[in-house]
Protein backbone atom coordinates (compact mmCIF):
# COMPACT_ATOMS: atom_id res chain seq x y z
CA UNK A 1 -8.09 2.55 -12.65
CA UNK A 2 -4.74 0.99 -13.45
CA UNK A 3 -4.48 -2.78 -13.74
CA UNK A 4 -3.46 -4.31 -10.44
CA UNK A 5 -0.20 -6.22 -10.54
CA UNK A 6 0.16 -9.52 -8.71
CA UNK A 7 1.64 -9.45 -5.21
CA UNK A 8 5.14 -10.94 -4.97
CA UNK A 9 4.78 -14.48 -3.57
CA UNK A 10 5.54 -14.57 0.16
CA UNK A 11 4.92 -10.82 0.65
CA UNK A 12 1.86 -8.98 1.95
CA UNK A 13 -0.74 -7.64 -0.46
CA UNK A 14 0.37 -4.62 -2.47
CA UNK A 15 4.09 -5.36 -2.66
CA UNK A 16 4.37 -5.94 -6.39
CA UNK A 17 8.15 -5.88 -6.88
CA UNK A 18 11.23 -6.14 -4.69
CA UNK A 19 13.93 -4.72 -6.97
CA UNK A 20 13.23 -1.89 -6.76
CA UNK A 21 10.71 -2.19 -3.91
CA UNK A 22 7.34 -1.20 -5.36
CA UNK A 23 4.00 -0.76 -3.59
CA UNK A 24 0.63 -0.62 -5.34
CA UNK A 25 -2.65 0.86 -4.11
CA UNK A 26 -5.34 -1.82 -4.17
CA UNK A 27 -8.02 0.76 -4.97
CA UNK A 28 -6.66 2.98 -7.76
CA UNK A 29 -3.53 1.10 -8.84
CA UNK A 30 -1.11 3.96 -8.12
CA UNK A 31 2.51 2.87 -7.62
CA UNK A 32 5.20 3.99 -5.19
CA UNK A 33 8.75 2.95 -6.13
CA UNK A 34 11.70 3.08 -3.72
CA UNK A 35 14.58 5.06 -5.16
CA UNK A 36 17.99 6.15 -3.93
CA UNK A 37 19.52 5.31 -0.58
CA UNK A 38 16.32 5.56 1.45
CA UNK A 39 15.93 2.68 3.90
CA UNK A 40 13.10 0.22 3.31
CA UNK A 41 11.43 1.25 6.57
CA UNK A 42 11.58 4.94 5.71
CA UNK A 43 10.19 4.24 2.24
CA UNK A 44 7.29 2.22 3.65
CA UNK A 45 6.33 5.09 5.98
CA UNK A 46 7.03 8.02 3.69
CA UNK A 47 5.30 6.47 0.66
CA UNK A 48 2.00 7.09 2.50
CA UNK A 49 0.63 3.75 1.28
CA UNK A 50 -0.92 1.93 4.26
CA UNK A 51 -1.80 -1.73 4.74
CA UNK A 52 -4.93 -2.79 6.64
CA UNK A 53 -5.87 -6.37 7.49
CA UNK A 54 -9.24 -5.39 9.00
CA UNK A 55 -11.14 -4.92 5.73
CA UNK A 56 -10.29 -7.97 3.67
CA UNK A 57 -9.01 -11.48 4.49
CA UNK A 58 -5.70 -10.80 2.70
CA UNK A 59 -5.51 -7.13 3.60
CA UNK A 60 -5.69 -4.00 1.46
CA UNK A 61 -2.95 -1.46 0.74
CA UNK A 62 -4.18 2.04 -0.15
CA UNK A 63 -2.60 5.36 -1.06
CA UNK A 64 -3.55 8.41 1.00
CA UNK A 65 -6.09 9.72 -1.53
CA UNK A 66 -7.93 6.38 -1.64
CA UNK A 67 -7.90 6.07 2.16
CA UNK A 68 -9.49 9.52 2.39
CA UNK A 69 -12.13 8.55 -0.19
CA UNK A 70 -12.91 5.18 1.37
CA UNK A 71 -16.05 5.58 3.48
CA UNK A 72 -15.86 2.38 5.55
CA UNK A 73 -12.22 2.57 6.54
CA UNK A 74 -11.49 1.00 9.90
CA UNK A 75 -11.00 3.12 13.02
CA UNK A 76 -7.45 1.82 13.47
CA UNK A 77 -6.43 3.12 10.03
CA UNK A 78 -8.01 6.52 10.69
CA UNK A 79 -6.14 6.78 14.00
CA UNK A 80 -2.82 6.03 12.27
CA UNK A 81 -3.16 8.70 9.57
């Protein structure tokens, strides 16, 4: 597992940089970095990293592989995949 980077103050868990926008999986540490002219919204969706507040008080952001491996994932997350 890669070392988890600190979340940028004022942002939700898993946003570890804003220039360029970078997301980190809270399970395996994988990174997704926004490149090019892609909009922030498109990047957040297409990165396939999802944020869930139902599992942890501060929320957890996971990549697709970790969401598939996670046995106790919430029903809401499964419905949104």
